[in-house]
Amino acid sequence: MKLVIQIPAFNESEHLPIALAALLRSLPGVGQVEILVIDDGSTDGTRETALKMELTGSFDFHGTGVWRRHSELGWTHAWGSKGQMSL
């Protein structure tokens, strides 16, 4: 079984490293845990922070990574759009 943890984010560059560090990397009975950051048009470098964490090896998205909207549409829209695409 694979678990994908979706994190909607808007201007969370400062808090993203703390949140990602607190996430479980493995769970009993789950073969793979992937993290998906959904950047809702942030202007503070949220996407860049997430990508930099992966490039420097401080966090591994296991191929899931960062999905970015180019304008702020809100959490409901971000969750709905990506949720439909990931099913």
N, C-alpha and C. Protein backbone atom coordinates (compact mmCIF):
# COMPACT_ATOMS: atom_id res chain seq x y z
N MET A 1 0.84 -1.17 0.00
CA MET A 1 0.00 0.00 0.00
C MET A 1 0.89 1.25 0.00
N LYS A 2 0.45 2.27 -0.73
CA LYS A 2 1.18 3.54 -0.77
C LYS A 2 0.30 4.62 -0.14
N LEU A 3 0.91 5.47 0.66
CA LEU A 3 0.23 6.60 1.29
C LEU A 3 0.83 7.89 0.74
N VAL A 4 -0.03 8.78 0.24
CA VAL A 4 0.43 10.08 -0.24
C VAL A 4 -0.14 11.14 0.71
N ILE A 5 0.75 11.87 1.37
CA ILE A 5 0.35 12.94 2.28
C ILE A 5 0.38 14.24 1.49
N GLN A 6 -0.78 14.89 1.37
CA GLN A 6 -0.89 16.14 0.62
C GLN A 6 -0.86 17.31 1.60
N ILE A 7 0.02 18.28 1.31
CA ILE A 7 0.16 19.46 2.17
C ILE A 7 -0.17 20.70 1.35
N PRO A 8 -1.39 21.26 1.50
CA PRO A 8 -1.68 22.52 0.84
C PRO A 8 -0.91 23.64 1.52
N ALA A 9 -0.29 24.52 0.74
CA ALA A 9 0.54 25.57 1.34
C ALA A 9 0.38 26.88 0.59
N PHE A 10 0.24 27.95 1.33
CA PHE A 10 0.24 29.30 0.76
C PHE A 10 1.14 30.16 1.63
N ASN A 11 2.24 30.62 1.05
CA ASN A 11 3.22 31.44 1.77
C ASN A 11 3.68 30.78 3.08
N GLU A 12 4.15 29.54 2.95
CA GLU A 12 4.61 28.77 4.11
C GLU A 12 6.10 28.45 4.03
N SER A 13 6.86 29.26 3.32
CA SER A 13 8.29 29.00 3.16
C SER A 13 9.01 28.86 4.49
N GLU A 14 8.65 29.68 5.46
CA GLU A 14 9.30 29.66 6.77
C GLU A 14 8.93 28.41 7.57
N HIS A 15 7.67 27.96 7.44
CA HIS A 15 7.18 26.85 8.25
C HIS A 15 7.31 25.48 7.59
N LEU A 16 7.49 25.45 6.28
CA LEU A 16 7.52 24.19 5.55
C LEU A 16 8.62 23.23 6.03
N PRO A 17 9.85 23.68 6.24
CA PRO A 17 10.88 22.75 6.73
C PRO A 17 10.51 22.10 8.07
N ILE A 18 9.87 22.85 8.94
CA ILE A 18 9.46 22.33 10.25
C ILE A 18 8.37 21.28 10.07
N ALA A 19 7.40 21.59 9.22
CA ALA A 19 6.30 20.65 8.98
C ALA A 19 6.80 19.36 8.34
N LEU A 20 7.66 19.48 7.34
CA LEU A 20 8.17 18.29 6.66
C LEU A 20 9.02 17.43 7.59
N ALA A 21 9.78 18.07 8.46
CA ALA A 21 10.63 17.32 9.39
C ALA A 21 9.79 16.52 10.39
N ALA A 22 8.58 16.98 10.66
CA ALA A 22 7.72 16.32 11.65
C ALA A 22 6.93 15.15 11.06
N LEU A 23 6.93 15.01 9.75
CA LEU A 23 6.13 13.95 9.12
C LEU A 23 6.77 12.58 9.29
N LEU A 24 5.92 11.60 9.40
CA LEU A 24 6.38 10.22 9.46
C LEU A 24 6.91 9.81 8.10
N ARG A 25 8.02 9.12 8.07
CA ARG A 25 8.59 8.65 6.81
C ARG A 25 8.18 7.21 6.53
N SER A 26 7.70 6.52 7.57
CA SER A 26 7.24 5.15 7.37
C SER A 26 6.16 4.83 8.40
N LEU A 27 5.29 3.93 8.01
CA LEU A 27 4.21 3.47 8.88
C LEU A 27 4.11 1.95 8.76
N PRO A 28 3.84 1.26 9.85
CA PRO A 28 3.66 -0.18 9.75
C PRO A 28 2.52 -0.52 8.78
N GLY A 29 2.77 -1.45 7.89
CA GLY A 29 1.75 -1.87 6.93
C GLY A 29 1.66 -1.01 5.69
N VAL A 30 2.45 0.05 5.62
CA VAL A 30 2.45 0.94 4.45
C VAL A 30 3.80 0.77 3.76
N GLY A 31 3.76 0.36 2.49
CA GLY A 31 5.00 0.10 1.77
C GLY A 31 5.76 1.36 1.41
N GLN A 32 5.03 2.43 1.08
CA GLN A 32 5.70 3.65 0.64
C GLN A 32 4.90 4.86 1.11
N VAL A 33 5.60 5.85 1.65
CA VAL A 33 4.98 7.12 2.05
C VAL A 33 5.55 8.21 1.15
N GLU A 34 4.67 8.91 0.44
CA GLU A 34 5.09 10.02 -0.42
C GLU A 34 4.47 11.30 0.10
N ILE A 35 5.18 12.41 -0.12
CA ILE A 35 4.72 13.72 0.32
C ILE A 35 4.50 14.59 -0.91
N LEU A 36 3.37 15.26 -0.96
CA LEU A 36 3.06 16.18 -2.05
C LEU A 36 2.74 17.54 -1.46
N VAL A 37 3.55 18.55 -1.78
CA VAL A 37 3.28 19.92 -1.36
C VAL A 37 2.49 20.58 -2.48
N ILE A 38 1.32 21.11 -2.15
CA ILE A 38 0.48 21.80 -3.12
C ILE A 38 0.62 23.30 -2.84
N ASP A 39 1.41 23.97 -3.66
CA ASP A 39 1.67 25.40 -3.49
C ASP A 39 0.57 26.18 -4.20
N ASP A 40 -0.20 26.93 -3.45
CA ASP A 40 -1.36 27.65 -3.98
C ASP A 40 -0.99 29.08 -4.39
N GLY A 41 0.02 29.21 -5.25
CA GLY A 41 0.39 30.53 -5.76
C GLY A 41 1.18 31.38 -4.78
N SER A 42 1.96 30.77 -3.94
CA SER A 42 2.74 31.50 -2.93
C SER A 42 3.68 32.53 -3.57
N THR A 43 3.89 33.61 -2.85
CA THR A 43 4.80 34.66 -3.32
C THR A 43 6.05 34.76 -2.45
N ASP A 44 6.19 33.84 -1.48
CA ASP A 44 7.32 33.90 -0.54
C ASP A 44 8.38 32.84 -0.81
N GLY A 45 8.27 32.10 -1.91
CA GLY A 45 9.27 31.09 -2.22
C GLY A 45 8.98 29.72 -1.64
N THR A 46 7.73 29.44 -1.31
CA THR A 46 7.35 28.14 -0.75
C THR A 46 7.79 27.00 -1.66
N ARG A 47 7.49 27.10 -2.94
CA ARG A 47 7.85 26.04 -3.89
C ARG A 47 9.37 25.85 -3.93
N GLU A 48 10.08 26.96 -4.01
CA GLU A 48 11.54 26.91 -4.08
C GLU A 48 12.14 26.30 -2.82
N THR A 49 11.54 26.60 -1.66
CA THR A 49 12.01 26.02 -0.40
C THR A 49 11.86 24.51 -0.43
N ALA A 50 10.71 24.02 -0.87
CA ALA A 50 10.47 22.58 -0.93
C ALA A 50 11.44 21.91 -1.91
N LEU A 51 11.62 22.50 -3.07
CA LEU A 51 12.54 21.92 -4.06
C LEU A 51 13.98 21.94 -3.56
N LYS A 52 14.36 23.02 -2.88
CA LYS A 52 15.72 23.11 -2.34
C LYS A 52 15.96 22.03 -1.28
N MET A 53 14.95 21.76 -0.46
CA MET A 53 15.08 20.72 0.56
C MET A 53 15.35 19.37 -0.10
N GLU A 54 14.68 19.12 -1.21
CA GLU A 54 14.90 17.84 -1.89
C GLU A 54 16.28 17.80 -2.55
N LEU A 55 16.68 18.88 -3.19
CA LEU A 55 17.97 18.91 -3.87
C LEU A 55 19.15 18.78 -2.92
N THR A 56 19.02 19.35 -1.72
CA THR A 56 20.12 19.28 -0.75
C THR A 56 20.11 17.98 0.05
N GLY A 57 19.10 17.14 -0.18
CA GLY A 57 19.04 15.86 0.51
C GLY A 57 18.44 15.92 1.90
N SER A 58 17.93 17.08 2.32
CA SER A 58 17.33 17.15 3.65
C SER A 58 15.91 16.59 3.66
N PHE A 59 15.36 16.36 2.48
CA PHE A 59 14.02 15.76 2.39
C PHE A 59 13.89 15.06 1.05
N ASP A 60 13.26 13.89 1.03
CA ASP A 60 13.08 13.13 -0.21
C ASP A 60 11.59 12.96 -0.47
N PHE A 61 11.12 13.52 -1.57
CA PHE A 61 9.70 13.42 -1.92
C PHE A 61 9.37 12.11 -2.63
N HIS A 62 10.37 11.27 -2.89
CA HIS A 62 10.17 9.98 -3.58
C HIS A 62 9.42 10.14 -4.89
N GLY A 63 9.75 11.18 -5.63
CA GLY A 63 9.16 11.36 -6.95
C GLY A 63 7.83 12.09 -6.96
N THR A 64 7.24 12.37 -5.81
CA THR A 64 5.94 13.04 -5.78
C THR A 64 6.14 14.54 -5.94
N GLY A 65 6.85 15.17 -5.03
CA GLY A 65 7.31 16.53 -5.18
C GLY A 65 6.36 17.65 -4.86
N VAL A 66 6.42 18.67 -5.70
CA VAL A 66 5.70 19.92 -5.47
C VAL A 66 4.82 20.20 -6.67
N TRP A 67 3.56 20.43 -6.40
CA TRP A 67 2.61 20.80 -7.45
C TRP A 67 2.25 22.26 -7.21
N ARG A 68 2.26 23.09 -8.26
CA ARG A 68 2.07 24.53 -8.06
C ARG A 68 0.95 25.09 -8.91
N ARG A 69 0.10 25.87 -8.26
CA ARG A 69 -0.91 26.67 -8.97
C ARG A 69 -0.28 28.06 -9.13
N HIS A 70 -0.58 28.73 -10.21
CA HIS A 70 0.03 30.03 -10.45
C HIS A 70 -0.76 31.19 -9.87
N SER A 71 -1.93 30.90 -9.33
CA SER A 71 -2.70 31.94 -8.66
C SER A 71 -3.38 31.32 -7.46
N GLU A 72 -3.65 32.13 -6.46
CA GLU A 72 -4.27 31.63 -5.24
C GLU A 72 -5.74 31.34 -5.49
N LEU A 73 -6.13 30.09 -5.31
CA LEU A 73 -7.53 29.70 -5.48
C LEU A 73 -8.12 29.10 -4.21
N GLY A 74 -7.32 29.00 -3.18
CA GLY A 74 -7.81 28.50 -1.90
C GLY A 74 -7.62 27.01 -1.71
N TRP A 75 -7.70 26.60 -0.44
CA TRP A 75 -7.47 25.19 -0.07
C TRP A 75 -8.45 24.25 -0.72
N THR A 76 -9.74 24.62 -0.72
CA THR A 76 -10.75 23.71 -1.27
C THR A 76 -10.46 23.39 -2.72
N HIS A 77 -10.12 24.40 -3.48
CA HIS A 77 -9.82 24.19 -4.89
C HIS A 77 -8.54 23.38 -5.08
N ALA A 78 -7.52 23.70 -4.29
CA ALA A 78 -6.25 22.97 -4.39
C ALA A 78 -6.43 21.50 -4.04
N TRP A 79 -7.14 21.22 -2.96
CA TRP A 79 -7.38 19.83 -2.55
C TRP A 79 -8.21 19.11 -3.60
N GLY A 80 -9.26 19.77 -4.07
CA GLY A 80 -10.15 19.13 -5.05
C GLY A 80 -9.43 18.82 -6.34
N SER A 81 -8.67 19.76 -6.87
CA SER A 81 -7.98 19.56 -8.13
C SER A 81 -6.97 18.43 -8.04
N LYS A 82 -6.13 18.45 -7.03
CA LYS A 82 -5.08 17.44 -6.93
C LYS A 82 -5.69 16.11 -6.52
N GLY A 83 -6.70 16.15 -5.68
CA GLY A 83 -7.33 14.91 -5.27
C GLY A 83 -7.91 14.17 -6.46
N GLN A 84 -8.52 14.88 -7.38
CA GLN A 84 -9.07 14.25 -8.57
C GLN A 84 -7.97 13.72 -9.46
N MET A 85 -6.85 14.46 -9.56
CA MET A 85 -5.76 14.03 -10.43
C MET A 85 -5.03 12.83 -9.85
N SER A 86 -5.02 12.68 -8.52
CA SER A 86 -4.25 11.60 -7.92
C SER A 86 -5.02 10.31 -7.80
N LEU A 87 -6.31 10.32 -8.06
CA LEU A 87 -7.11 9.10 -7.93
C LEU A 87 -6.91 8.16 -9.06
